[in-house]
Amino acid sequence: MTKTHTTILIISAMLLLTVPAAASGTSTAQVSDTLSQPVQDKSLTQDDINLVMGVFDGQLPSYIIPRADAFIQTGKTDEEKARTAWYIYTYYRNSKIMGYDEIAIYIADSYFLNGRYNLPDEDAMLEMKLFAEANRRSVIGLQAPSMVLQDPAGTEVTVPEGEQDYTVLYFYDDECPGCIRTTPALMQYMLRNTDGLNFKVYMIYTQDDRERWMNYIQKAIQPFNLPDNVKLIHLWDPDMTSGFVTKYGVISTPKLFLLDRNGVIIGRELTPAALGQVVTVHESQLSPTEMLYEQIFYPMANTTDTTEITKTIDTFFEDSKDNPEFFHETFYTLYQYLKSSGSYPLQQGAAYLANKYIAGMPQMWESVTFTDKGETHGSVIRADFKSPADFIDQTALAVLMFYRNPLEKPATDLTLRTPNNKTYHIYDVQSEYTVLYFYTLNCGVCNAVTKTLAKMSQSYNPSEVQFVAIYTGTDSKWKKYIKANDHGWINLWDRKHKSGMFDKYDLLDVPAIYLLDKEKKTLAKDINPDVLSALLEYYLAPEDQNQENIQEEK
């Protein structure tokens, strides 16, 4: 393929980006004329199509499908259109991007399986039909198909069922090499990384040998002592009456699906690691209520005067005070939103709300029920509190801790110890900026943050930015850990808890990150690595560059 032809294809893709097939003033025929003229003397190949469609990688299927339609219509003849459709089908049929099988099924249905075009290769046509039929009922975004399976005692079990946060469907075979690797990896994830979320894991054996099945459960699964928030259910279908093969496209194993709280498929063809990533992304998405809060409070995130924030909170109270259920849901979710914000003024708003409307109004919270299942709704709140009194006490404590080490004030010094038991003070650090990173071992979030900070710290000279990692636990295994994980940081701890760090710093939750300036004034606290990176980039940038950025923002 010539350089000129490659350029034309890229331009074609960009035109498809800006001219949706059925949404703009340009017709499909006009798009066809525009795109097809430069390449009319050269037949498109699979590589050509891969180049064009690759431009859209990362977009949603709903965005790609009309553009695929437009590209297919650039063909001058039915033969050209059929060939382009086939190449696009093949691209998405073989895509490694989760969810793109939906596009392949759409192309198959719209251009081939309905008789519109034919493929000269009958085997390819058969494969396409089998692929579409096996996967069309379990694409991402659909309600998971219901099945009736049997447990080891022969009792029928309907799948999926329950009010758990996430449902995992794991189809496996005891003699499948991929399953032999996937099963322990899935168990390890459920053992260490579920973070209090309620999981129901359906372990679905796809063969019909009960003795082999029981042996596999005993050897490969039972050794894992899973936490109480993970419920494991062993099932099979010896008579093959559930239809799992066609409902979930289980023509090979392992097959791993993830469903959300409403039983909607949000992940398929997953590895255990990918399952964890989908859960992380899904948990980070804003709920409709949080999106409303974002619209209201985000414009106030960088204010120097919190008066407008507190007035808005007061307005919420006036609107909800006469409806206890509405008040409970509104003020609990609003407090959590403001508290977890990366904006210090909004965090100050959370402290104001907690003092005035939670700790200051205990009688308003007496009828609340706390639970570890479902979602917060009305006076039923999904949270780990024993009682309303416990919620109020812990909230008051959180506010107290929030006001420790306020911004632009000198941080409280701590007397800690090095791994060699030498005394070390936070104020001993000699650098322009100091990053205090409080963490503990056996913490999934800490492990992830540690990896990010370790990579970040390599970008800075210690004279500019010094990372101080403070282990908040007392286990001597820490010394072995830092020897095996030397990130070039200053490593400190307080084995005998003499420093009072838990009284002087907000360490109710770790990891906790603080950024201090040269005089050890607190520039930011309780921030994530992304915010830290942005702050360091700003503070270390030349003054004239910061002025340019300010002017650009204006």
Protein backbone atom coordinates (compact mmCIF):
# COMPACT_ATOMS: atom_id res chain seq x y z
CA MET A 1 0.00 0.00 0.00
CA THR A 2 1.47 3.37 -1.04
CA LYS A 3 2.00 6.28 1.29
CA THR A 4 -0.56 8.29 -0.70
CA HIS A 5 -3.16 5.56 -0.36
CA THR A 6 -2.52 5.32 3.39
CA THR A 7 -3.01 9.08 3.74
CA ILE A 8 -6.28 8.90 1.79
CA LEU A 9 -7.58 6.16 4.08
CA ILE A 10 -6.75 8.17 7.19
CA ILE A 11 -8.47 11.21 5.73
CA SER A 12 -11.44 8.99 4.96
CA ALA A 13 -11.58 7.87 8.55
CA MET A 14 -11.41 11.43 9.81
CA LEU A 15 -14.25 12.41 7.48
CA LEU A 16 -16.30 9.59 8.94
CA LEU A 17 -15.47 10.97 12.37
CA THR A 18 -16.93 14.36 11.55
CA VAL A 19 -19.83 13.31 9.26
CA PRO A 20 -22.17 10.82 11.00
CA ALA A 21 -24.10 8.77 8.47
CA ALA A 22 -27.59 9.79 9.51
CA ALA A 23 -27.09 12.77 11.78
CA SER A 24 -25.57 15.56 9.68
CA GLY A 25 -26.72 17.52 6.67
CA THR A 26 -24.50 15.43 4.40
CA SER A 27 -26.20 12.35 2.99
CA THR A 28 -24.74 8.86 2.88
CA ALA A 29 -24.46 9.19 -0.89
CA GLN A 30 -22.42 12.39 -0.50
CA VAL A 31 -20.13 10.71 2.01
CA SER A 32 -19.77 7.83 -0.45
CA ASP A 33 -18.80 10.15 -3.28
CA THR A 34 -16.32 12.01 -1.10
CA LEU A 35 -14.56 8.91 0.18
CA SER A 36 -14.67 6.57 -2.76
CA GLN A 37 -13.32 8.79 -5.53
CA PRO A 38 -9.65 8.72 -4.46
CA VAL A 39 -9.57 4.93 -4.00
CA GLN A 40 -11.92 3.78 -6.75
CA ASP A 41 -9.09 2.26 -8.77
CA LYS A 42 -7.73 0.20 -5.92
CA SER A 43 -9.55 -2.59 -4.10
CA LEU A 44 -9.58 -2.25 -0.36
CA THR A 45 -7.81 -4.96 1.64
CA GLN A 46 -8.27 -6.17 5.19
CA ASP A 47 -5.22 -4.11 6.19
CA ASP A 48 -6.82 -1.01 4.71
CA ILE A 49 -9.99 -1.55 6.72
CA ASN A 50 -7.99 -2.26 9.87
CA LEU A 51 -6.21 1.06 9.39
CA VAL A 52 -9.44 3.01 9.00
CA MET A 53 -11.47 1.33 11.74
CA GLY A 54 -8.51 1.49 14.11
CA VAL A 55 -9.04 5.25 14.24
CA PHE A 56 -12.21 4.58 16.27
CA ASP A 57 -10.67 2.21 18.81
CA GLY A 58 -11.78 3.28 22.27
CA GLN A 59 -15.11 4.72 21.13
CA LEU A 60 -18.45 3.19 22.13
CA PRO A 61 -20.11 0.75 19.71
CA SER A 62 -23.03 3.17 19.35
CA TYR A 63 -20.56 5.73 18.02
CA ILE A 64 -18.76 3.34 15.66
CA ILE A 65 -21.74 1.57 14.08
CA PRO A 66 -23.12 4.53 12.03
CA ARG A 67 -19.61 5.28 10.81
CA ALA A 68 -19.11 1.67 9.78
CA ASP A 69 -22.39 1.90 7.87
CA ALA A 70 -21.21 5.05 6.12
CA PHE A 71 -17.92 3.45 5.16
CA ILE A 72 -19.63 0.38 3.74
CA GLN A 73 -21.82 2.62 1.57
CA THR A 74 -18.74 4.11 -0.09
CA GLY A 75 -18.58 0.99 -2.25
CA LYS A 76 -19.61 1.55 -5.89
CA THR A 77 -21.07 -1.92 -6.30
CA ASP A 78 -22.72 -4.48 -4.06
CA GLU A 79 -19.58 -6.58 -4.36
CA GLU A 80 -17.43 -3.75 -3.02
CA LYS A 81 -19.89 -3.05 -0.20
CA ALA A 82 -20.04 -6.72 0.74
CA ARG A 83 -16.25 -6.95 0.78
CA THR A 84 -15.94 -3.84 2.97
CA ALA A 85 -18.65 -5.14 5.33
CA TRP A 86 -16.86 -8.48 5.59
CA TYR A 87 -13.54 -6.83 6.41
CA ILE A 88 -15.20 -4.63 9.04
CA TYR A 89 -16.92 -7.69 10.53
CA THR A 90 -13.58 -9.51 10.67
CA TYR A 91 -11.90 -6.53 12.34
CA TYR A 92 -14.43 -6.40 15.15
CA ARG A 93 -14.87 -10.18 15.32
CA ASN A 94 -11.18 -10.44 16.21
CA SER A 95 -10.95 -7.25 18.28
CA LYS A 96 -9.43 -7.55 21.75
CA ILE A 97 -11.45 -4.56 22.97
CA MET A 98 -14.23 -5.69 25.28
CA GLY A 99 -17.69 -5.04 23.88
CA TYR A 100 -16.71 -4.73 20.23
CA ASP A 101 -18.27 -8.10 19.42
CA GLU A 102 -21.54 -6.11 19.43
CA ILE A 103 -20.33 -4.31 16.29
CA ALA A 104 -19.44 -7.60 14.60
CA ILE A 105 -22.92 -8.96 15.37
CA TYR A 106 -24.52 -5.80 14.00
CA ILE A 107 -22.58 -6.07 10.72
CA ALA A 108 -23.44 -9.77 10.44
CA ASP A 109 -27.16 -9.12 11.00
CA SER A 110 -27.40 -6.01 8.83
CA TYR A 111 -25.43 -7.14 5.80
CA PHE A 112 -25.22 -10.93 5.61
CA LEU A 113 -27.55 -12.95 7.84
CA ASN A 114 -30.58 -11.05 6.51
CA GLY A 115 -29.71 -12.08 2.95
CA ARG A 116 -28.61 -8.61 1.81
CA TYR A 117 -25.19 -9.85 0.71
CA ASN A 118 -23.69 -13.32 0.35
CA LEU A 119 -20.25 -14.63 1.10
CA PRO A 120 -18.71 -16.95 -1.51
CA ASP A 121 -17.15 -18.97 1.30
CA GLU A 122 -19.93 -21.09 2.85
CA ASP A 123 -17.76 -22.02 5.82
CA ALA A 124 -17.19 -18.33 6.61
CA MET A 125 -20.93 -17.70 6.37
CA LEU A 126 -21.62 -20.58 8.75
CA GLU A 127 -19.00 -19.36 11.20
CA MET A 128 -20.53 -15.89 11.13
CA LYS A 129 -23.98 -17.28 11.86
CA LEU A 130 -22.71 -19.41 14.73
CA PHE A 131 -20.77 -16.48 16.19
CA ALA A 132 -23.74 -14.13 16.04
CA GLU A 133 -26.19 -16.65 17.48
CA ALA A 134 -23.83 -17.66 20.27
CA ASN A 135 -23.08 -14.11 21.40
CA ARG A 136 -26.05 -11.87 20.59
CA ARG A 137 -27.78 -12.55 23.93
CA SER A 138 -24.80 -11.78 26.12
CA VAL A 139 -23.29 -8.59 24.75
CA ILE A 140 -22.40 -5.78 27.15
CA GLY A 141 -25.37 -3.68 28.21
CA LEU A 142 -27.97 -6.45 27.98
CA GLN A 143 -29.80 -8.00 30.90
CA ALA A 144 -28.04 -11.27 31.68
CA PRO A 145 -30.06 -14.25 30.36
CA SER A 146 -31.63 -16.37 33.09
CA MET A 147 -30.64 -20.02 33.48
CA VAL A 148 -31.74 -22.90 35.71
CA LEU A 149 -28.80 -25.03 36.83
CA GLN A 150 -28.18 -27.62 39.54
CA ASP A 151 -26.05 -27.48 42.66
CA PRO A 152 -24.08 -30.56 43.84
CA ALA A 153 -27.15 -31.85 45.73
CA GLY A 154 -29.30 -31.71 42.59
CA THR A 155 -31.33 -28.68 43.71
CA GLU A 156 -32.34 -26.34 40.92
CA VAL A 157 -30.89 -22.84 41.16
CA THR A 158 -31.93 -19.87 39.03
CA VAL A 159 -29.01 -17.77 37.80
CA PRO A 160 -28.53 -14.87 38.29
CA GLU A 161 -30.43 -13.93 41.44
CA GLY A 162 -29.89 -11.73 44.51
CA GLU A 163 -29.15 -8.12 45.49
CA GLN A 164 -25.36 -8.37 45.53
CA ASP A 165 -23.17 -5.56 44.20
CA TYR A 166 -21.63 -7.74 41.50
CA THR A 167 -22.35 -11.15 40.03
CA VAL A 168 -19.62 -13.25 38.45
CA LEU A 169 -20.44 -16.08 36.04
CA TYR A 170 -17.44 -18.35 35.61
CA PHE A 171 -17.79 -21.20 33.13
CA TYR A 172 -14.95 -23.70 33.46
CA ASP A 173 -13.75 -27.23 32.75
CA ASP A 174 -11.54 -29.24 35.08
CA GLU A 175 -9.23 -30.30 32.23
CA CYS A 176 -8.98 -26.92 30.48
CA PRO A 177 -5.41 -25.49 30.60
CA GLY A 178 -6.76 -21.93 30.61
CA CYS A 179 -9.09 -22.77 33.51
CA ILE A 180 -6.22 -24.23 35.50
CA ARG A 181 -4.60 -20.77 35.39
CA THR A 182 -7.78 -18.71 35.68
CA THR A 183 -9.43 -20.44 38.66
CA PRO A 184 -6.72 -19.65 41.25
CA ALA A 185 -6.32 -16.12 39.86
CA LEU A 186 -10.06 -15.53 40.28
CA MET A 187 -9.95 -16.89 43.82
CA GLN A 188 -6.99 -14.66 44.66
CA TYR A 189 -8.87 -11.60 43.43
CA MET A 190 -11.94 -12.51 45.50
CA LEU A 191 -9.71 -13.12 48.50
CA ARG A 192 -7.82 -9.83 48.44
CA ASN A 193 -9.43 -7.13 46.31
CA THR A 194 -13.19 -7.02 46.84
CA ASP A 195 -12.97 -4.07 49.30
CA GLY A 196 -16.19 -4.88 51.14
CA LEU A 197 -18.31 -5.12 48.00
CA ASN A 198 -20.76 -8.01 47.96
CA PHE A 199 -19.96 -10.57 45.24
CA LYS A 200 -21.89 -13.66 44.24
CA VAL A 201 -19.70 -15.97 42.19
CA TYR A 202 -21.39 -18.73 40.22
CA MET A 203 -18.79 -21.41 39.49
CA ILE A 204 -20.40 -23.26 36.54
CA TYR A 205 -18.86 -26.60 35.58
CA THR A 206 -19.46 -27.27 31.87
CA GLN A 207 -18.83 -31.05 31.82
CA ASP A 208 -20.93 -33.99 33.09
CA ASP A 209 -18.52 -36.02 35.23
CA ARG A 210 -19.60 -35.43 38.84
CA GLU A 211 -16.64 -37.21 40.43
CA ARG A 212 -14.12 -35.12 38.49
CA TRP A 213 -16.12 -32.00 39.38
CA MET A 214 -16.08 -32.73 43.12
CA ASN A 215 -12.35 -33.47 43.02
CA TYR A 216 -11.68 -30.20 41.24
CA ILE A 217 -13.69 -28.20 43.79
CA GLN A 218 -11.84 -29.84 46.66
CA LYS A 219 -8.37 -29.33 45.20
CA ALA A 220 -8.61 -26.05 43.29
CA ILE A 221 -11.26 -23.99 45.07
CA GLN A 222 -11.86 -25.06 48.67
CA PRO A 223 -8.32 -24.18 49.86
CA PHE A 224 -9.21 -20.50 49.44
CA ASN A 225 -10.87 -19.09 52.56
CA LEU A 226 -12.90 -16.30 50.98
CA PRO A 227 -14.26 -13.35 53.01
CA ASP A 228 -17.90 -13.16 54.10
CA ASN A 229 -18.75 -10.63 51.40
CA VAL A 230 -18.04 -13.20 48.68
CA LYS A 231 -20.60 -15.97 48.23
CA LEU A 232 -19.45 -18.92 46.11
CA ILE A 233 -22.06 -21.15 44.45
CA HIS A 234 -21.08 -24.36 42.61
CA LEU A 235 -23.38 -25.35 39.75
CA TRP A 236 -23.51 -27.58 36.69
CA ASP A 237 -25.86 -28.68 33.92
CA PRO A 238 -25.40 -32.42 33.39
CA ASP A 239 -28.47 -32.72 31.13
CA MET A 240 -27.60 -29.59 29.13
CA THR A 241 -31.08 -28.13 29.57
CA SER A 242 -30.15 -24.62 30.74
CA GLY A 243 -29.04 -23.38 27.31
CA PHE A 244 -25.87 -21.78 28.70
CA VAL A 245 -23.99 -22.53 25.49
CA THR A 246 -26.23 -20.34 23.33
CA LYS A 247 -27.18 -17.85 26.03
CA TYR A 248 -23.59 -16.99 26.90
CA GLY A 249 -21.65 -18.29 23.88
CA VAL A 250 -19.77 -20.87 25.92
CA ILE A 251 -18.20 -22.82 23.06
CA SER A 252 -14.87 -22.88 24.91
CA THR A 253 -13.62 -22.29 28.43
CA PRO A 254 -12.79 -20.39 30.52
CA LYS A 255 -15.53 -17.80 30.12
CA LEU A 256 -15.86 -15.04 32.71
CA PHE A 257 -18.79 -12.58 32.83
CA LEU A 258 -19.43 -9.68 35.22
CA LEU A 259 -22.91 -8.33 36.02
CA ASP A 260 -23.79 -5.13 37.87
CA ARG A 261 -26.28 -4.62 40.70
CA ASN A 262 -29.17 -4.73 38.25
CA GLY A 263 -28.07 -7.93 36.51
CA VAL A 264 -26.81 -6.09 33.43
CA ILE A 265 -23.70 -7.47 31.71
CA ILE A 266 -20.82 -5.01 32.16
CA GLY A 267 -17.94 -7.35 31.33
CA ARG A 268 -17.45 -10.48 29.23
CA GLU A 269 -14.52 -12.58 28.03
CA LEU A 270 -12.64 -11.28 31.08
CA THR A 271 -9.49 -12.33 32.84
CA PRO A 272 -9.50 -11.97 36.65
CA ALA A 273 -7.25 -8.91 36.31
CA ALA A 274 -9.59 -7.35 33.73
CA LEU A 275 -12.56 -8.14 35.99
CA GLY A 276 -10.91 -6.11 38.73
CA GLN A 277 -10.34 -3.22 36.33
CA VAL A 278 -13.99 -3.21 35.25
CA VAL A 279 -15.11 -3.16 38.89
CA THR A 280 -12.75 -0.27 39.64
CA VAL A 281 -14.01 1.77 36.69
CA HIS A 282 -17.64 0.96 37.47
CA GLU A 283 -17.25 1.97 41.12
CA SER A 284 -15.64 5.27 40.13
CA GLN A 285 -18.56 6.32 37.94
CA LEU A 286 -20.82 9.01 39.34
CA SER A 287 -24.40 8.09 40.18
CA PRO A 288 -27.23 10.31 38.88
CA THR A 289 -27.40 11.98 42.30
CA GLU A 290 -23.65 12.59 42.33
CA MET A 291 -23.86 14.02 38.81
CA LEU A 292 -26.44 16.50 40.10
CA TYR A 293 -24.12 17.48 42.97
CA GLU A 294 -21.29 17.83 40.46
CA GLN A 295 -23.30 20.30 38.38
CA ILE A 296 -24.19 22.36 41.45
CA PHE A 297 -20.91 22.36 43.38
CA TYR A 298 -18.18 21.98 40.74
CA PRO A 299 -18.31 25.69 39.79
CA MET A 300 -17.49 26.47 43.44
CA ALA A 301 -14.60 23.99 43.70
CA ASN A 302 -11.83 26.62 43.46
CA THR A 303 -13.44 29.41 45.46
CA THR A 304 -11.56 31.23 48.21
CA ASP A 305 -14.81 32.01 50.00
CA THR A 306 -16.95 29.05 51.08
CA THR A 307 -20.01 31.21 51.83
CA GLU A 308 -21.80 30.12 48.63
CA ILE A 309 -21.08 26.46 49.40
CA THR A 310 -22.55 26.68 52.90
CA LYS A 311 -25.57 28.63 51.64
CA THR A 312 -26.26 25.92 49.06
CA ILE A 313 -26.03 23.23 51.75
CA ASP A 314 -28.48 25.21 53.89
CA THR A 315 -30.87 25.36 50.92
CA PHE A 316 -30.73 21.57 50.63
CA PHE A 317 -31.77 21.36 54.27
CA GLU A 318 -34.73 23.71 53.82
CA ASP A 319 -35.92 21.60 50.89
CA SER A 320 -35.63 18.27 52.72
CA LYS A 321 -36.16 18.88 56.45
CA ASP A 322 -39.87 17.98 56.39
CA ASN A 323 -39.28 14.62 54.64
CA PRO A 324 -37.05 12.38 56.80
CA GLU A 325 -36.34 9.83 54.06
CA PHE A 326 -35.43 12.54 51.56
CA PHE A 327 -33.29 14.29 54.19
CA HIS A 328 -31.41 11.12 55.12
CA GLU A 329 -30.56 10.12 51.57
CA THR A 330 -29.75 13.66 50.47
CA PHE A 331 -27.49 14.62 53.34
CA TYR A 332 -25.69 11.29 53.61
CA THR A 333 -24.86 11.18 49.88
CA LEU A 334 -24.06 14.91 49.77
CA TYR A 335 -21.67 14.55 52.72
CA GLN A 336 -19.89 11.63 51.04
CA TYR A 337 -19.65 13.53 47.75
CA LEU A 338 -18.18 16.67 49.33
CA LYS A 339 -15.89 14.72 51.62
CA SER A 340 -14.36 12.69 48.77
CA SER A 341 -13.92 15.70 46.50
CA GLY A 342 -10.43 16.70 45.47
CA SER A 343 -11.38 20.33 46.19
CA TYR A 344 -10.41 21.65 49.61
CA PRO A 345 -13.25 24.22 49.68
CA LEU A 346 -15.75 21.42 49.00
CA GLN A 347 -14.13 19.34 51.74
CA GLN A 348 -14.63 22.34 54.02
CA GLY A 349 -18.28 22.24 52.95
CA ALA A 350 -18.42 18.59 54.03
CA ALA A 351 -17.06 19.52 57.46
CA TYR A 352 -19.66 22.30 57.75
CA LEU A 353 -22.46 19.90 56.77
CA ALA A 354 -21.26 17.23 59.20
CA ASN A 355 -21.00 19.64 62.13
CA LYS A 356 -24.34 21.31 61.56
CA TYR A 357 -26.62 18.65 60.07
CA ILE A 358 -25.20 15.34 61.32
CA ALA A 359 -23.34 15.78 64.61
CA GLY A 360 -25.42 18.88 65.36
CA MET A 361 -28.78 17.19 64.72
CA PRO A 362 -28.58 13.65 66.17
CA GLN A 363 -32.38 13.50 66.55
CA MET A 364 -32.76 13.75 62.76
CA TRP A 365 -30.85 10.47 62.28
CA GLU A 366 -32.54 8.25 64.86
CA SER A 367 -34.71 6.40 62.30
CA VAL A 368 -31.89 5.53 59.88
CA THR A 369 -31.06 1.87 59.15
CA PHE A 370 -27.52 0.99 58.08
CA THR A 371 -26.89 -2.10 55.95
CA ASP A 372 -24.05 -3.78 54.05
CA LYS A 373 -26.22 -4.70 51.05
CA GLY A 374 -28.06 -2.92 48.25
CA GLU A 375 -27.86 0.81 47.64
CA THR A 376 -28.61 3.88 49.74
CA HIS A 377 -32.28 4.71 49.38
CA GLY A 378 -34.30 6.92 51.70
CA SER A 379 -33.64 6.04 55.33
CA VAL A 380 -31.84 2.79 54.41
CA ILE A 381 -28.17 3.65 53.99
CA ARG A 382 -25.48 1.38 52.61
CA ALA A 383 -22.62 2.00 55.04
CA ASP A 384 -20.53 0.23 57.67
CA PHE A 385 -21.98 1.76 60.83
CA LYS A 386 -23.42 -0.18 63.77
CA SER A 387 -26.11 2.37 64.59
CA PRO A 388 -27.08 6.03 64.07
CA ALA A 389 -25.09 6.89 67.19
CA ASP A 390 -22.01 5.18 65.76
CA PHE A 391 -22.46 7.11 62.50
CA ILE A 392 -22.69 10.43 64.34
CA ASP A 393 -19.66 9.68 66.54
CA GLN A 394 -17.48 8.62 63.60
CA THR A 395 -18.58 11.60 61.53
CA ALA A 396 -17.72 13.98 64.36
CA LEU A 397 -14.30 12.31 64.65
CA ALA A 398 -13.73 12.63 60.90
CA VAL A 399 -14.46 16.37 61.09
CA LEU A 400 -12.08 16.72 64.02
CA MET A 401 -9.34 14.98 62.03
CA PHE A 402 -10.06 17.08 58.95
CA TYR A 403 -9.13 20.26 60.78
CA ARG A 404 -5.74 18.83 61.72
CA ASN A 405 -2.95 20.29 59.56
CA PRO A 406 -5.10 22.83 57.69
CA LEU A 407 -3.89 24.17 54.35
CA GLU A 408 -1.28 26.93 54.31
CA LYS A 409 -0.37 26.19 57.93
CA PRO A 410 2.80 24.42 59.11
CA ALA A 411 2.26 20.67 59.28
CA THR A 412 2.70 18.98 62.63
CA ASP A 413 6.13 17.43 63.01
CA LEU A 414 6.44 13.73 63.79
CA THR A 415 9.27 11.88 65.48
CA LEU A 416 9.62 8.58 63.62
CA ARG A 417 12.18 5.83 63.11
CA THR A 418 14.17 4.61 60.13
CA PRO A 419 14.50 0.87 59.41
CA ASN A 420 17.83 1.08 61.31
CA ASN A 421 15.98 2.52 64.32
CA LYS A 422 17.44 6.01 63.96
CA THR A 423 15.29 8.97 64.93
CA TYR A 424 13.98 10.99 62.00
CA HIS A 425 11.76 14.07 61.97
CA ILE A 426 9.57 15.16 59.09
CA TYR A 427 11.22 18.57 59.39
CA ASP A 428 14.60 16.93 58.72
CA VAL A 429 13.66 16.61 55.05
CA GLN A 430 15.61 19.08 52.93
CA SER A 431 13.78 19.66 49.65
CA GLU A 432 11.59 22.20 47.91
CA TYR A 433 8.55 19.96 48.37
CA THR A 434 7.85 16.98 50.59
CA VAL A 435 5.35 14.24 49.85
CA LEU A 436 4.15 12.39 52.94
CA TYR A 437 2.69 9.03 51.98
CA PHE A 438 0.99 7.14 54.82
CA TYR A 439 0.25 3.51 53.99
CA THR A 440 0.00 0.02 55.37
CA LEU A 441 0.70 -3.49 54.10
CA ASN A 442 -2.01 -5.88 52.85
CA CYS A 443 -4.05 -2.94 51.56
CA GLY A 444 -5.14 -3.31 47.94
CA VAL A 445 -5.57 0.44 47.40
CA CYS A 446 -2.22 1.15 49.04
CA ASN A 447 -0.52 -1.35 46.74
CA ALA A 448 -1.94 0.38 43.67
CA VAL A 449 -1.04 3.86 44.95
CA THR A 450 2.48 2.72 45.87
CA LYS A 451 3.13 1.56 42.31
CA THR A 452 1.90 4.87 40.90
CA LEU A 453 3.93 6.98 43.34
CA ALA A 454 7.04 4.85 42.79
CA LYS A 455 6.89 5.56 39.08
CA MET A 456 6.11 9.24 39.67
CA SER A 457 8.99 9.73 42.10
CA GLN A 458 11.52 8.73 39.43
CA SER A 459 10.70 11.96 37.58
CA TYR A 460 11.93 14.24 40.37
CA ASN A 461 15.27 15.08 41.90
CA PRO A 462 15.14 14.57 45.71
CA SER A 463 16.34 18.15 46.15
CA GLU A 464 13.12 19.24 44.43
CA VAL A 465 10.65 16.65 45.68
CA GLN A 466 11.34 14.16 48.44
CA PHE A 467 8.95 11.25 48.95
CA VAL A 468 8.60 10.12 52.56
CA ALA A 469 6.78 6.79 52.93
CA ILE A 470 5.42 6.29 56.44
CA TYR A 471 4.26 2.81 57.38
CA THR A 472 1.39 3.10 59.86
CA GLY A 473 1.53 -0.50 61.07
CA THR A 474 3.81 -2.30 63.51
CA ASP A 475 4.55 -5.59 61.73
CA SER A 476 8.30 -6.27 61.38
CA LYS A 477 7.59 -7.75 57.93
CA TRP A 478 7.73 -4.12 56.80
CA LYS A 479 11.54 -4.23 56.88
CA LYS A 480 11.61 -7.16 54.48
CA TYR A 481 9.01 -5.42 52.33
CA ILE A 482 11.03 -2.23 51.85
CA LYS A 483 14.18 -4.24 51.09
CA ALA A 484 12.32 -6.05 48.33
CA ASN A 485 10.65 -2.82 47.15
CA ASP A 486 13.30 -0.11 47.23
CA HIS A 487 11.80 2.96 45.57
CA GLY A 488 14.49 5.38 46.71
CA TRP A 489 12.18 6.94 49.27
CA ILE A 490 12.78 7.88 52.88
CA ASN A 491 11.11 4.98 54.71
CA LEU A 492 9.84 5.61 58.25
CA TRP A 493 7.60 3.97 60.84
CA ASP A 494 6.56 4.19 64.48
CA ARG A 495 6.49 0.66 65.80
CA LYS A 496 5.74 1.70 69.39
CA HIS A 497 3.22 4.40 68.41
CA LYS A 498 5.04 7.11 70.36
CA SER A 499 4.76 9.79 67.66
CA GLY A 500 1.03 10.33 68.06
CA MET A 501 0.64 10.33 64.28
CA PHE A 502 -2.96 9.10 64.50
CA ASP A 503 -3.88 12.10 66.66
CA LYS A 504 -1.91 14.62 64.64
CA TYR A 505 -2.82 13.52 61.10
CA ASP A 506 -6.06 12.37 59.51
CA LEU A 507 -5.23 8.67 59.16
CA LEU A 508 -8.69 7.20 59.64
CA ASP A 509 -8.26 5.87 56.10
CA VAL A 510 -5.06 5.01 54.28
CA PRO A 511 -3.47 5.58 51.88
CA ALA A 512 -3.17 9.27 52.76
CA ILE A 513 -1.03 11.74 50.80
CA TYR A 514 0.11 15.18 51.99
CA LEU A 515 2.11 17.74 50.02
CA LEU A 516 4.27 20.19 52.00
CA ASP A 517 6.36 23.14 50.83
CA LYS A 518 9.92 24.00 51.82
CA GLU A 519 8.76 25.50 55.15
CA LYS A 520 6.63 22.38 55.71
CA LYS A 521 3.35 24.23 55.21
CA THR A 522 0.52 22.01 54.05
CA LEU A 523 -0.23 22.67 50.37
CA ALA A 524 -2.62 19.74 49.92
CA LYS A 525 -3.82 16.74 51.91
CA ASP A 526 -5.85 13.58 51.40
CA ILE A 527 -5.21 13.75 47.66
CA ASN A 528 -4.79 11.02 45.06
CA PRO A 529 -1.71 10.52 42.85
CA ASP A 530 -3.31 12.31 39.87
CA VAL A 531 -3.93 15.45 41.92
CA LEU A 532 -0.42 15.22 43.39
CA SER A 533 1.09 15.00 39.91
CA ALA A 534 -0.87 18.03 38.71
CA LEU A 535 0.12 20.05 41.78
CA LEU A 536 3.82 19.21 41.45
CA GLU A 537 3.74 20.11 37.77
CA TYR A 538 2.22 23.47 38.68
CA TYR A 539 4.53 24.29 41.58
CA LEU A 540 7.68 23.23 39.73
CA ALA A 541 6.84 25.07 36.52
CA PRO A 542 8.68 28.34 35.85
CA GLU A 543 6.77 31.35 37.12
CA ASP A 544 6.35 32.82 33.63
CA GLN A 545 4.84 29.55 32.40
CA ASN A 546 2.27 29.58 35.21
CA GLN A 547 1.37 33.14 34.28
CA GLU A 548 0.88 32.06 30.66
CA ASN A 549 -1.39 29.22 31.79
CA ILE A 550 -3.45 31.63 33.90
CA GLN A 551 -3.86 33.98 30.94
CA GLU A 552 -4.91 31.08 28.69
CA GLU A 553 -7.54 30.00 31.22
CA LYS A 554 -8.92 33.54 31.27
